[in-house]
PDB file of all heavy atoms in Angstrom:
ATOM      1  N   ASN A   1      66.262 161.690 147.480  1.00  0.00           N
ATOM      2  CA  ASN A   1      66.497 160.410 148.162  1.00  0.00           C
ATOM      3  C   ASN A   1      65.567 160.264 149.362  1.00  0.00           C
ATOM      4  O   ASN A   1      64.992 159.186 149.584  1.00  0.00           O
ATOM      5  CB  ASN A   1      67.956 160.294 148.598  1.00  0.00           C
ATOM      6  CG  ASN A   1      68.902 160.164 147.428  1.00  0.00           C
ATOM      7  OD1 ASN A   1      68.503 159.844 146.317  1.00  0.00           O
ATOM      8  ND2 ASN A   1      70.172 160.444 147.669  1.00  0.00           N
ATOM      9  N   ASP A   2      65.394 161.332 150.133  1.00  0.00           N
ATOM     10  CA  ASP A   2      64.482 161.305 151.284  1.00  0.00           C
ATOM     11  C   ASP A   2      63.039 161.103 150.827  1.00  0.00           C
ATOM     12  O   ASP A   2      62.287 160.329 151.432  1.00  0.00           O
ATOM     13  CB  ASP A   2      64.584 162.606 152.090  1.00  0.00           C
ATOM     14  CG  ASP A   2      65.918 162.771 152.793  1.00  0.00           C
ATOM     15  OD1 ASP A   2      66.641 161.763 152.966  1.00  0.00           O
ATOM     16  OD2 ASP A   2      66.232 163.917 153.171  1.00  0.00           O
ATOM     17  N   LEU A   3      62.639 161.809 149.765  1.00  0.00           N
ATOM     18  CA  LEU A   3      61.265 161.695 149.263  1.00  0.00           C
ATOM     19  C   LEU A   3      60.980 160.301 148.711  1.00  0.00           C
ATOM     20  O   LEU A   3      59.858 159.800 148.843  1.00  0.00           O
ATOM     21  CB  LEU A   3      61.005 162.770 148.201  1.00  0.00           C
ATOM     22  CG  LEU A   3      60.966 164.207 148.717  1.00  0.00           C
ATOM     23  CD1 LEU A   3      60.959 165.202 147.549  1.00  0.00           C
ATOM     24  CD2 LEU A   3      59.777 164.435 149.637  1.00  0.00           C
ATOM     25  N   LEU A   4      61.984 159.675 148.115  1.00  0.00           N
ATOM     26  CA  LEU A   4      61.833 158.282 147.652  1.00  0.00           C
ATOM     27  C   LEU A   4      61.580 157.352 148.834  1.00  0.00           C
ATOM     28  O   LEU A   4      60.673 156.506 148.791  1.00  0.00           O
ATOM     29  CB  LEU A   4      63.084 157.829 146.905  1.00  0.00           C
ATOM     30  CG  LEU A   4      63.175 158.151 145.424  1.00  0.00           C
ATOM     31  CD1 LEU A   4      64.584 157.928 144.905  1.00  0.00           C
ATOM     32  CD2 LEU A   4      62.171 157.327 144.625  1.00  0.00           C
ATOM     33  N   LYS A   5      62.372 157.522 149.903  1.00  0.00           N
ATOM     34  CA  LYS A   5      62.210 156.682 151.096  1.00  0.00           C
ATOM     35  C   LYS A   5      60.840 156.869 151.729  1.00  0.00           C
ATOM     36  O   LYS A   5      60.255 155.917 152.245  1.00  0.00           O
ATOM     37  CB  LYS A   5      63.302 157.004 152.123  1.00  0.00           C
ATOM     38  CG  LYS A   5      64.670 156.519 151.737  1.00  0.00           C
ATOM     39  CD  LYS A   5      65.697 156.943 152.766  1.00  0.00           C
ATOM     40  CE  LYS A   5      67.107 156.697 152.265  1.00  0.00           C
ATOM     41  NZ  LYS A   5      68.124 157.304 153.121  1.00  0.00           N
ATOM     42  N   GLN A   6      60.322 158.102 151.690  1.00  0.00           N
ATOM     43  CA  GLN A   6      59.017 158.392 152.282  1.00  0.00           C
ATOM     44  C   GLN A   6      57.860 157.992 151.377  1.00  0.00           C
ATOM     45  O   GLN A   6      56.709 158.024 151.801  1.00  0.00           O
ATOM     46  CB  GLN A   6      58.901 159.888 152.603  1.00  0.00           C
ATOM     47  CG  GLN A   6      59.763 160.343 153.761  1.00  0.00           C
ATOM     48  CD  GLN A   6      59.565 161.829 154.017  1.00  0.00           C
ATOM     49  OE1 GLN A   6      60.000 162.671 153.239  1.00  0.00           O
ATOM     50  NE2 GLN A   6      58.883 162.141 155.105  1.00  0.00           N
ATOM     51  N   GLY A   7      58.161 157.662 150.122  1.00  0.00           N
ATOM     52  CA  GLY A   7      57.122 157.236 149.195  1.00  0.00           C
ATOM     53  C   GLY A   7      56.396 158.374 148.486  1.00  0.00           C
ATOM     54  O   GLY A   7      55.344 158.150 147.886  1.00  0.00           O
ATOM     55  N   PHE A   8      56.949 159.590 148.514  1.00  0.00           N
ATOM     56  CA  PHE A   8      56.294 160.730 147.871  1.00  0.00           C
ATOM     57  C   PHE A   8      56.619 160.850 146.383  1.00  0.00           C
ATOM     58  O   PHE A   8      55.898 161.521 145.646  1.00  0.00           O
ATOM     59  CB  PHE A   8      56.664 162.043 148.574  1.00  0.00           C
ATOM     60  CG  PHE A   8      56.075 162.174 149.947  1.00  0.00           C
ATOM     61  CD1 PHE A   8      56.898 162.250 151.057  1.00  0.00           C
ATOM     62  CD2 PHE A   8      54.701 162.221 150.146  1.00  0.00           C
ATOM     63  CE1 PHE A   8      56.369 162.368 152.332  1.00  0.00           C
ATOM     64  CE2 PHE A   8      54.162 162.338 151.409  1.00  0.00           C
ATOM     65  CZ  PHE A   8      54.991 162.411 152.515  1.00  0.00           C
ATOM     66  N   VAL A   9      57.732 160.237 145.945  1.00  0.00           N
ATOM     67  CA  VAL A   9      58.106 160.257 144.535  1.00  0.00           C
ATOM     68  C   VAL A   9      58.482 158.852 144.086  1.00  0.00           C
ATOM     69  O   VAL A   9      58.785 157.983 144.903  1.00  0.00           O
ATOM     70  CB  VAL A   9      59.289 161.227 144.238  1.00  0.00           C
ATOM     71  CG1 VAL A   9      58.920 162.665 144.530  1.00  0.00           C
ATOM     72  CG2 VAL A   9      60.546 160.819 144.971  1.00  0.00           C
ATOM     73  N   THR A  10      58.425 158.664 142.783  1.00  0.00           N
ATOM     74  CA  THR A  10      58.886 157.423 142.168  1.00  0.00           C
ATOM     75  C   THR A  10      59.977 157.783 141.159  1.00  0.00           C
ATOM     76  O   THR A  10      60.054 158.924 140.699  1.00  0.00           O
ATOM     77  CB  THR A  10      57.736 156.711 141.426  1.00  0.00           C
ATOM     78  OG1 THR A  10      57.228 157.583 140.404  1.00  0.00           O
ATOM     79  CG2 THR A  10      56.617 156.320 142.386  1.00  0.00           C
ATOM     80  N   SER A  11      60.805 156.808 140.828  1.00  0.00           N
ATOM     81  CA  SER A  11      61.833 157.047 139.820  1.00  0.00           C
ATOM     82  C   SER A  11      61.615 156.091 138.654  1.00  0.00           C
ATOM     83  O   SER A  11      61.070 154.998 138.821  1.00  0.00           O
ATOM     84  CB  SER A  11      63.233 156.861 140.405  1.00  0.00           C
ATOM     85  OG  SER A  11      63.465 155.523 140.723  1.00  0.00           O
ATOM     86  N   SER A  12      62.033 156.546 137.501  1.00  0.00           N
ATOM     87  CA  SER A  12      61.952 155.706 136.302  1.00  0.00           C
ATOM     88  C   SER A  12      63.180 155.963 135.449  1.00  0.00           C
ATOM     89  O   SER A  12      63.851 156.990 135.587  1.00  0.00           O
ATOM     90  CB  SER A  12      60.668 155.998 135.520  1.00  0.00           C
ATOM     91  OG  SER A  12      60.624 157.351 135.122  1.00  0.00           O
ATOM     92  N   ASP A  13      63.466 155.003 134.577  1.00  0.00           N
ATOM     93  CA  ASP A  13      64.621 155.138 133.698  1.00  0.00           C
ATOM     94  C   ASP A  13      64.415 156.308 132.741  1.00  0.00           C
ATOM     95  O   ASP A  13      63.294 156.594 132.310  1.00  0.00           O
ATOM     96  CB  ASP A  13      64.838 153.848 132.901  1.00  0.00           C
ATOM     97  CG  ASP A  13      65.310 152.698 133.778  1.00  0.00           C
ATOM     98  OD1 ASP A  13      65.875 152.960 134.860  1.00  0.00           O
ATOM     99  OD2 ASP A  13      65.105 151.537 133.375  1.00  0.00           O
ATOM    100  N   ASN A  14      65.513 156.940 132.409  1.00  0.00           N
ATOM    101  CA  ASN A  14      65.527 158.065 131.480  1.00  0.00           C
ATOM    102  C   ASN A  14      66.206 157.570 130.203  1.00  0.00           C
ATOM    103  O   ASN A  14      67.405 157.303 130.210  1.00  0.00           O
ATOM    104  CB  ASN A  14      66.304 159.226 132.101  1.00  0.00           C
ATOM    105  CG  ASN A  14      66.355 160.444 131.232  1.00  0.00           C
ATOM    106  OD1 ASN A  14      65.973 160.417 130.072  1.00  0.00           O
ATOM    107  ND2 ASN A  14      66.832 161.533 131.801  1.00  0.00           N
ATOM    108  N   ILE A  15      65.444 157.446 129.124  1.00  0.00           N
ATOM    109  CA  ILE A  15      66.021 156.924 127.881  1.00  0.00           C
ATOM    110  C   ILE A  15      67.070 157.868 127.297  1.00  0.00           C
ATOM    111  O   ILE A  15      67.918 157.448 126.521  1.00  0.00           O
ATOM    112  CB  ILE A  15      64.936 156.598 126.829  1.00  0.00           C
ATOM    113  CG1 ILE A  15      64.151 157.853 126.447  1.00  0.00           C
ATOM    114  CG2 ILE A  15      64.017 155.504 127.327  1.00  0.00           C
ATOM    115  CD1 ILE A  15      63.226 157.656 125.247  1.00  0.00           C
ATOM    116  N   ASP A  16      67.029 159.145 127.687  1.00  0.00           N
ATOM    117  CA  ASP A  16      67.988 160.123 127.168  1.00  0.00           C
ATOM    118  C   ASP A  16      69.285 160.166 127.960  1.00  0.00           C
ATOM    119  O   ASP A  16      70.282 160.695 127.480  1.00  0.00           O
ATOM    120  CB  ASP A  16      67.359 161.516 127.145  1.00  0.00           C
ATOM    121  CG  ASP A  16      66.219 161.608 126.151  1.00  0.00           C
ATOM    122  OD1 ASP A  16      66.320 160.958 125.089  1.00  0.00           O
ATOM    123  OD2 ASP A  16      65.233 162.314 126.435  1.00  0.00           O
ATOM    124  N   HIS A  17      69.247 159.647 129.187  1.00  0.00           N
ATOM    125  CA  HIS A  17      70.456 159.727 130.025  1.00  0.00           C
ATOM    126  C   HIS A  17      70.380 158.625 131.075  1.00  0.00           C
ATOM    127  O   HIS A  17      69.637 158.741 132.058  1.00  0.00           O
ATOM    128  CB  HIS A  17      70.538 161.101 130.686  1.00  0.00           C
ATOM    129  CG  HIS A  17      71.880 161.403 131.246  1.00  0.00           C
ATOM    130  ND1 HIS A  17      72.389 160.759 132.350  1.00  0.00           N
ATOM    131  CD2 HIS A  17      72.827 162.296 130.864  1.00  0.00           C
ATOM    132  CE1 HIS A  17      73.576 161.251 132.630  1.00  0.00           C
ATOM    133  NE2 HIS A  17      73.868 162.177 131.744  1.00  0.00           N
ATOM    134  N   LYS A  18      71.156 157.564 130.888  1.00  0.00           N
ATOM    135  CA  LYS A  18      71.066 156.391 131.757  1.00  0.00           C
ATOM    136  C   LYS A  18      71.369 156.684 133.215  1.00  0.00           C
ATOM    137  O   LYS A  18      70.841 156.035 134.105  1.00  0.00           O
ATOM    138  CB  LYS A  18      72.003 155.283 131.248  1.00  0.00           C
ATOM    139  CG  LYS A  18      71.538 154.658 129.964  1.00  0.00           C
ATOM    140  CD  LYS A  18      72.435 153.531 129.544  1.00  0.00           C
ATOM    141  CE  LYS A  18      71.949 152.961 128.224  1.00  0.00           C
ATOM    142  NZ  LYS A  18      72.696 151.794 127.807  1.00  0.00           N
ATOM    143  N   ARG A  19      72.246 157.668 133.492  1.00  0.00           N
ATOM    144  CA  ARG A  19      72.647 157.948 134.872  1.00  0.00           C
ATOM    145  C   ARG A  19      71.803 159.034 135.533  1.00  0.00           C
ATOM    146  O   ARG A  19      72.091 159.438 136.659  1.00  0.00           O
ATOM    147  CB  ARG A  19      74.123 158.326 134.909  1.00  0.00           C
ATOM    148  CG  ARG A  19      75.012 157.147 134.574  1.00  0.00           C
ATOM    149  CD  ARG A  19      76.464 157.457 134.591  1.00  0.00           C
ATOM    150  NE  ARG A  19      76.825 158.557 135.476  1.00  0.00           N
ATOM    151  CZ  ARG A  19      78.045 159.020 135.630  1.00  0.00           C
ATOM    152  NH1 ARG A  19      79.028 158.487 134.960  1.00  0.00           N
ATOM    153  NH2 ARG A  19      78.293 160.023 136.435  1.00  0.00           N
ATOM    154  N   ALA A  20      70.785 159.530 134.832  1.00  0.00           N
ATOM    155  CA  ALA A  20      69.927 160.584 135.386  1.00  0.00           C
ATOM    156  C   ALA A  20      68.474 160.130 135.336  1.00  0.00           C
ATOM    157  O   ALA A  20      67.743 160.443 134.396  1.00  0.00           O
ATOM    158  CB  ALA A  20      70.119 161.887 134.607  1.00  0.00           C
ATOM    159  N   PRO A  21      68.037 159.390 136.357  1.00  0.00           N
ATOM    160  CA  PRO A  21      66.645 158.915 136.352  1.00  0.00           C
ATOM    161  C   PRO A  21      65.654 160.077 136.416  1.00  0.00           C
ATOM    162  O   PRO A  21      65.995 161.193 136.818  1.00  0.00           O
ATOM    163  CB  PRO A  21      66.556 158.047 137.605  1.00  0.00           C
ATOM    164  CG  PRO A  21      67.689 158.459 138.466  1.00  0.00           C
ATOM    165  CD  PRO A  21      68.750 158.999 137.568  1.00  0.00           C
ATOM    166  N   LEU A  22      64.444 159.770 136.017  1.00  0.00           N
ATOM    167  CA  LEU A  22      63.346 160.731 136.075  1.00  0.00           C
ATOM    168  C   LEU A  22      62.538 160.500 137.347  1.00  0.00           C
ATOM    169  O   LEU A  22      62.327 159.354 137.753  1.00  0.00           O
ATOM    170  CB  LEU A  22      62.449 160.573 134.847  1.00  0.00           C
ATOM    171  CG  LEU A  22      63.102 160.930 133.513  1.00  0.00           C
ATOM    172  CD1 LEU A  22      62.260 160.408 132.355  1.00  0.00           C
ATOM    173  CD2 LEU A  22      63.305 162.434 133.410  1.00  0.00           C
ATOM    174  N   PHE A  23      62.088 161.584 137.950  1.00  0.00           N
ATOM    175  CA  PHE A  23      61.305 161.494 139.183  1.00  0.00           C
ATOM    176  C   PHE A  23      59.935 162.101 138.956  1.00  0.00           C
ATOM    177  O   PHE A  23      59.798 163.153 138.324  1.00  0.00           O
ATOM    178  CB  PHE A  23      62.042 162.200 140.325  1.00  0.00           C
ATOM    179  CG  PHE A  23      63.343 161.531 140.650  1.00  0.00           C
ATOM    180  CD1 PHE A  23      64.522 161.976 140.082  1.00  0.00           C
ATOM    181  CD2 PHE A  23      63.381 160.430 141.484  1.00  0.00           C
ATOM    182  CE1 PHE A  23      65.727 161.348 140.347  1.00  0.00           C
ATOM    183  CE2 PHE A  23      64.579 159.786 141.759  1.00  0.00           C
ATOM    184  CZ  PHE A  23      65.757 160.257 141.184  1.00  0.00           C
ATOM    185  N   ASN A  24      58.941 161.413 139.502  1.00  0.00           N
ATOM    186  CA  ASN A  24      57.560 161.855 139.382  1.00  0.00           C
ATOM    187  C   ASN A  24      56.884 161.703 140.742  1.00  0.00           C
ATOM    188  O   ASN A  24      57.356 160.949 141.600  1.00  0.00           O
ATOM    189  CB  ASN A  24      56.828 161.024 138.329  1.00  0.00           C
ATOM    190  CG  ASN A  24      55.617 161.735 137.768  1.00  0.00           C
ATOM    191  OD1 ASN A  24      55.346 162.886 138.082  1.00  0.00           O
ATOM    192  ND2 ASN A  24      54.886 161.049 136.908  1.00  0.00           N
ATOM    193  N   LEU A  25      55.775 162.397 140.916  1.00  0.00           N
ATOM    194  CA  LEU A  25      55.014 162.245 142.157  1.00  0.00           C
ATOM    195  C   LEU A  25      54.366 160.866 142.186  1.00  0.00           C
ATOM    196  O   LEU A  25      53.816 160.414 141.179  1.00  0.00           O
ATOM    197  CB  LEU A  25      53.920 163.306 142.259  1.00  0.00           C
ATOM    198  CG  LEU A  25      54.352 164.760 142.325  1.00  0.00           C
ATOM    199  CD1 LEU A  25      53.121 165.661 142.434  1.00  0.00           C
ATOM    200  CD2 LEU A  25      55.290 165.007 143.482  1.00  0.00           C
ATOM    201  N   SER A  26      54.430 160.228 143.328  1.00  0.00           N
ATOM    202  CA  SER A  26      53.690 158.978 143.529  1.00  0.00           C
ATOM    203  C   SER A  26      52.243 159.345 143.831  1.00  0.00           C
ATOM    204  O   SER A  26      51.905 160.528 143.973  1.00  0.00           O
ATOM    205  CB  SER A  26      54.288 158.214 144.709  1.00  0.00           C
ATOM    206  OG  SER A  26      54.080 158.955 145.904  1.00  0.00           O
ATOM    207  N   ASP A  27      51.386 158.352 143.954  1.00  0.00           N
ATOM    208  CA  ASP A  27      50.000 158.631 144.359  1.00  0.00           C
ATOM    209  C   ASP A  27      49.989 159.345 145.705  1.00  0.00           C
ATOM    210  O   ASP A  27      49.235 160.304 145.900  1.00  0.00           O
ATOM    211  CB  ASP A  27      49.183 157.332 144.435  1.00  0.00           C
ATOM    212  CG  ASP A  27      48.904 156.734 143.054  1.00  0.00           C
ATOM    213  OD1 ASP A  27      49.037 157.458 142.045  1.00  0.00           O
ATOM    214  OD2 ASP A  27      48.570 155.531 142.998  1.00  0.00           O
ATOM    215  N   GLN A  28      50.819 158.874 146.631  1.00  0.00           N
ATOM    216  CA  GLN A  28      50.919 159.504 147.941  1.00  0.00           C
ATOM    217  C   GLN A  28      51.408 160.955 147.794  1.00  0.00           C
ATOM    218  O   GLN A  28      50.895 161.854 148.461  1.00  0.00           O
ATOM    219  CB  GLN A  28      51.884 158.721 148.830  1.00  0.00           C
ATOM    220  CG  GLN A  28      52.072 159.306 150.209  1.00  0.00           C
ATOM    221  CD  GLN A  28      53.121 158.542 151.022  1.00  0.00           C
ATOM    222  OE1 GLN A  28      53.660 157.536 150.584  1.00  0.00           O
ATOM    223  NE2 GLN A  28      53.400 159.054 152.190  1.00  0.00           N
ATOM    224  N   GLY A  29      52.369 161.186 146.911  1.00  0.00           N
ATOM    225  CA  GLY A  29      52.878 162.531 146.672  1.00  0.00           C
ATOM    226  C   GLY A  29      51.815 163.454 146.107  1.00  0.00           C
ATOM    227  O   GLY A  29      51.709 164.619 146.496  1.00  0.00           O
ATOM    228  N   GLU A  30      51.019 162.935 145.172  1.00  0.00           N
ATOM    229  CA  GLU A  30      49.932 163.736 144.598  1.00  0.00           C
ATOM    230  C   GLU A  30      48.890 164.087 145.659  1.00  0.00           C
ATOM    231  O   GLU A  30      48.392 165.217 145.699  1.00  0.00           O
ATOM    232  CB  GLU A  30      49.267 162.978 143.442  1.00  0.00           C
ATOM    233  CG  GLU A  30      50.122 162.924 142.202  1.00  0.00           C
ATOM    234  CD  GLU A  30      49.477 162.150 141.068  1.00  0.00           C
ATOM    235  OE1 GLU A  30      48.302 161.739 141.186  1.00  0.00           O
ATOM    236  OE2 GLU A  30      50.161 161.960 140.043  1.00  0.00           O
ATOM    237  N   GLN A  31      48.575 163.137 146.521  1.00  0.00           N
ATOM    238  CA  GLN A  31      47.591 163.385 147.583  1.00  0.00           C
ATOM    239  C   GLN A  31      48.090 164.442 148.561  1.00  0.00           C
ATOM    240  O   GLN A  31      47.341 165.350 148.931  1.00  0.00           O
ATOM    241  CB  GLN A  31      47.264 162.087 148.317  1.00  0.00           C
ATOM    242  CG  GLN A  31      46.492 161.098 147.476  1.00  0.00           C
ATOM    243  CD  GLN A  31      46.388 159.723 148.136  1.00  0.00           C
ATOM    244  OE1 GLN A  31      46.740 159.540 149.293  1.00  0.00           O
ATOM    245  NE2 GLN A  31      45.910 158.744 147.386  1.00  0.00           N
ATOM    246  N   VAL A  32      49.356 164.329 148.969  1.00  0.00           N
ATOM    247  CA  VAL A  32      49.880 165.290 149.932  1.00  0.00           C
ATOM    248  C   VAL A  32      50.034 166.665 149.292  1.00  0.00           C
ATOM    249  O   VAL A  32      49.793 167.689 149.936  1.00  0.00           O
ATOM    250  CB  VAL A  32      51.183 164.789 150.595  1.00  0.00           C
ATOM    251  CG1 VAL A  32      52.410 165.016 149.727  1.00  0.00           C
ATOM    252  CG2 VAL A  32      51.390 165.456 151.939  1.00  0.00           C
ATOM    253  N   MET A  33      50.393 166.719 148.005  1.00  0.00           N
ATOM    254  CA  MET A  33      50.502 168.013 147.332  1.00  0.00           C
ATOM    255  C   MET A  33      49.138 168.692 147.241  1.00  0.00           C
ATOM    256  O   MET A  33      49.039 169.917 147.398  1.00  0.00           O
ATOM    257  CB  MET A  33      51.119 167.852 145.938  1.00  0.00           C
ATOM    258  CG  MET A  33      52.619 167.722 145.937  1.00  0.00           C
ATOM    259  SD  MET A  33      53.495 169.122 146.711  1.00  0.00           S
ATOM    260  CE  MET A  33      53.027 170.460 145.618  1.00  0.00           C
ATOM    261  N   ALA A  34      48.083 167.928 147.016  1.00  0.00           N
ATOM    262  CA  ALA A  34      46.736 168.509 146.971  1.00  0.00           C
ATOM    263  C   ALA A  34      46.380 169.121 148.324  1.00  0.00           C
ATOM    264  O   ALA A  34      45.819 170.225 148.393  1.00  0.00           O
ATOM    265  CB  ALA A  34      45.709 167.451 146.567  1.00  0.00           C
ATOM    266  N   LYS A  35      46.720 168.438 149.397  1.00  0.00           N
ATOM    267  CA  LYS A  35      46.433 168.958 150.744  1.00  0.00           C
ATOM    268  C   LYS A  35      47.279 170.182 151.053  1.00  0.00           C
ATOM    269  O   LYS A  35      46.786 171.162 151.625  1.00  0.00           O
ATOM    270  CB  LYS A  35      46.672 167.864 151.790  1.00  0.00           C
ATOM    271  CG  LYS A  35      45.681 166.724 151.702  1.00  0.00           C
ATOM    272  CD  LYS A  35      46.037 165.605 152.655  1.00  0.00           C
ATOM    273  CE  LYS A  35      45.097 164.420 152.476  1.00  0.00           C
ATOM    274  NZ  LYS A  35      45.479 163.294 153.332  1.00  0.00           N
ATOM    275  N   ILE A  36      48.562 170.136 150.693  1.00  0.00           N
ATOM    276  CA  ILE A  36      49.444 171.286 150.937  1.00  0.00           C
ATOM    277  C   ILE A  36      48.994 172.474 150.098  1.00  0.00           C
ATOM    278  O   ILE A  36      48.970 173.616 150.585  1.00  0.00           O
ATOM    279  CB  ILE A  36      50.918 170.924 150.646  1.00  0.00           C
ATOM    280  CG1 ILE A  36      51.423 169.951 151.715  1.00  0.00           C
ATOM    281  CG2 ILE A  36      51.789 172.171 150.595  1.00  0.00           C
ATOM    282  CD1 ILE A  36      52.794 169.375 151.420  1.00  0.00           C
ATOM    283  N   ASN A  37      48.624 172.233 148.840  1.00  0.00           N
ATOM    284  CA  ASN A  37      48.164 173.328 147.986  1.00  0.00           C
ATOM    285  C   ASN A  37      46.905 173.981 148.558  1.00  0.00           C
ATOM    286  O   ASN A  37      46.741 175.201 148.488  1.00  0.00           O
ATOM    287  CB  ASN A  37      47.939 172.841 146.556  1.00  0.00           C
ATOM    288  CG  ASN A  37      49.242 172.585 145.830  1.00  0.00           C
ATOM    289  OD1 ASN A  37      50.286 173.136 146.174  1.00  0.00           O
ATOM    290  ND2 ASN A  37      49.187 171.733 144.813  1.00  0.00           N
ATOM    291  N   ALA A  38      46.027 173.187 149.135  1.00  0.00           N
ATOM    292  CA  ALA A  38      44.825 173.740 149.758  1.00  0.00           C
ATOM    293  C   ALA A  38      45.192 174.597 150.971  1.00  0.00           C
ATOM    294  O   ALA A  38      44.660 175.699 151.149  1.00  0.00           O
ATOM    295  CB  ALA A  38      43.865 172.621 150.166  1.00  0.00           C
ATOM    296  N   ALA A  39      46.114 174.105 151.793  1.00  0.00           N
ATOM    297  CA  ALA A  39      46.553 174.872 152.963  1.00  0.00           C
ATOM    298  C   ALA A  39      47.279 176.148 152.538  1.00  0.00           C
ATOM    299  O   ALA A  39      47.083 177.218 153.129  1.00  0.00           O
ATOM    300  CB  ALA A  39      47.462 174.010 153.849  1.00  0.00           C
ATOM    301  N   GLN A  40      48.104 176.053 151.498  1.00  0.00           N
ATOM    302  CA  GLN A  40      48.817 177.233 151.006  1.00  0.00           C
ATOM    303  C   GLN A  40      47.846 178.247 150.429  1.00  0.00           C
ATOM    304  O   GLN A  40      48.025 179.459 150.599  1.00  0.00           O
ATOM    305  CB  GLN A  40      49.862 176.829 149.959  1.00  0.00           C
ATOM    306  CG  GLN A  40      50.793 177.950 149.535  1.00  0.00           C
ATOM    307  CD  GLN A  40      50.278 178.805 148.392  1.00  0.00           C
ATOM    308  OE1 GLN A  40      49.307 178.473 147.710  1.00  0.00           O
ATOM    309  NE2 GLN A  40      50.934 179.936 148.186  1.00  0.00           N
ATOM    310  N   SER A  41      46.810 177.786 149.749  1.00  0.00           N
ATOM    311  CA  SER A  41      45.809 178.698 149.177  1.00  0.00           C
ATOM    312  C   SER A  41      45.128 179.511 150.263  1.00  0.00           C
ATOM    313  O   SER A  41      44.944 180.726 150.130  1.00  0.00           O
ATOM    314  CB  SER A  41      44.760 177.921 148.381  1.00  0.00           C
ATOM    315  OG  SER A  41      45.347 177.337 147.246  1.00  0.00           O
ATOM    316  N   GLU A  42      44.769 178.853 151.334  1.00  0.00           N
ATOM    317  CA  GLU A  42      44.133 179.544 152.455  1.00  0.00           C
ATOM    318  C   GLU A  42      45.077 180.594 153.040  1.00  0.00           C
ATOM    319  O   GLU A  42      44.695 181.729 153.286  1.00  0.00           O
ATOM    320  CB  GLU A  42      43.726 178.515 153.517  1.00  0.00           C
ATOM    321  CG  GLU A  42      42.913 179.087 154.647  1.00  0.00           C
ATOM    322  CD  GLU A  42      42.470 177.999 155.611  1.00  0.00           C
ATOM    323  OE1 GLU A  42      41.971 176.951 155.145  1.00  0.00           O
ATOM    324  OE2 GLU A  42      42.630 178.218 156.823  1.00  0.00           O
ATOM    325  N   TRP A  43      46.332 180.204 153.240  1.00  0.00           N
ATOM    326  CA  TRP A  43      47.338 181.102 153.812  1.00  0.00           C
ATOM    327  C   TRP A  43      47.597 182.299 152.900  1.00  0.00           C
ATOM    328  O   TRP A  43      47.582 183.444 153.336  1.00  0.00           O
ATOM    329  CB  TRP A  43      48.623 180.302 154.055  1.00  0.00           C
ATOM    330  CG  TRP A  43      49.794 181.118 154.471  1.00  0.00           C
ATOM    331  CD1 TRP A  43      50.060 181.591 155.728  1.00  0.00           C
ATOM    332  CD2 TRP A  43      50.871 181.561 153.643  1.00  0.00           C
ATOM    333  NE1 TRP A  43      51.240 182.301 155.731  1.00  0.00           N
ATOM    334  CE2 TRP A  43      51.752 182.299 154.449  1.00  0.00           C
ATOM    335  CE3 TRP A  43      51.175 181.406 152.291  1.00  0.00           C
ATOM    336  CZ2 TRP A  43      52.910 182.874 153.955  1.00  0.00           C
ATOM    337  CZ3 TRP A  43      52.328 181.982 151.800  1.00  0.00           C
ATOM    338  CH2 TRP A  43      53.184 182.704 152.631  1.00  0.00           C
ATOM    339  N   ILE A  44      47.829 182.052 151.604  1.00  0.00           N
ATOM    340  CA  ILE A  44      48.179 183.139 150.677  1.00  0.00           C
ATOM    341  C   ILE A  44      46.992 184.062 150.438  1.00  0.00           C
ATOM    342  O   ILE A  44      47.164 185.274 150.279  1.00  0.00           O
ATOM    343  CB  ILE A  44      48.765 182.599 149.348  1.00  0.00           C
ATOM    344  CG1 ILE A  44      49.603 183.683 148.652  1.00  0.00           C
ATOM    345  CG2 ILE A  44      47.684 182.093 148.413  1.00  0.00           C
ATOM    346  CD1 ILE A  44      50.881 184.021 149.324  1.00  0.00           C
TER     347      ILE A  44
END
């Protein structure tokens, strides 16, 4: 719910289960994950 409000994920209908939507990374989510993955790579 917080990630939806921040625009990091999007939701879509789930044809297999009406009450359980599917969540995916938004464009903003993909961009931030790329930056976090780069920072994590340096750290690890």
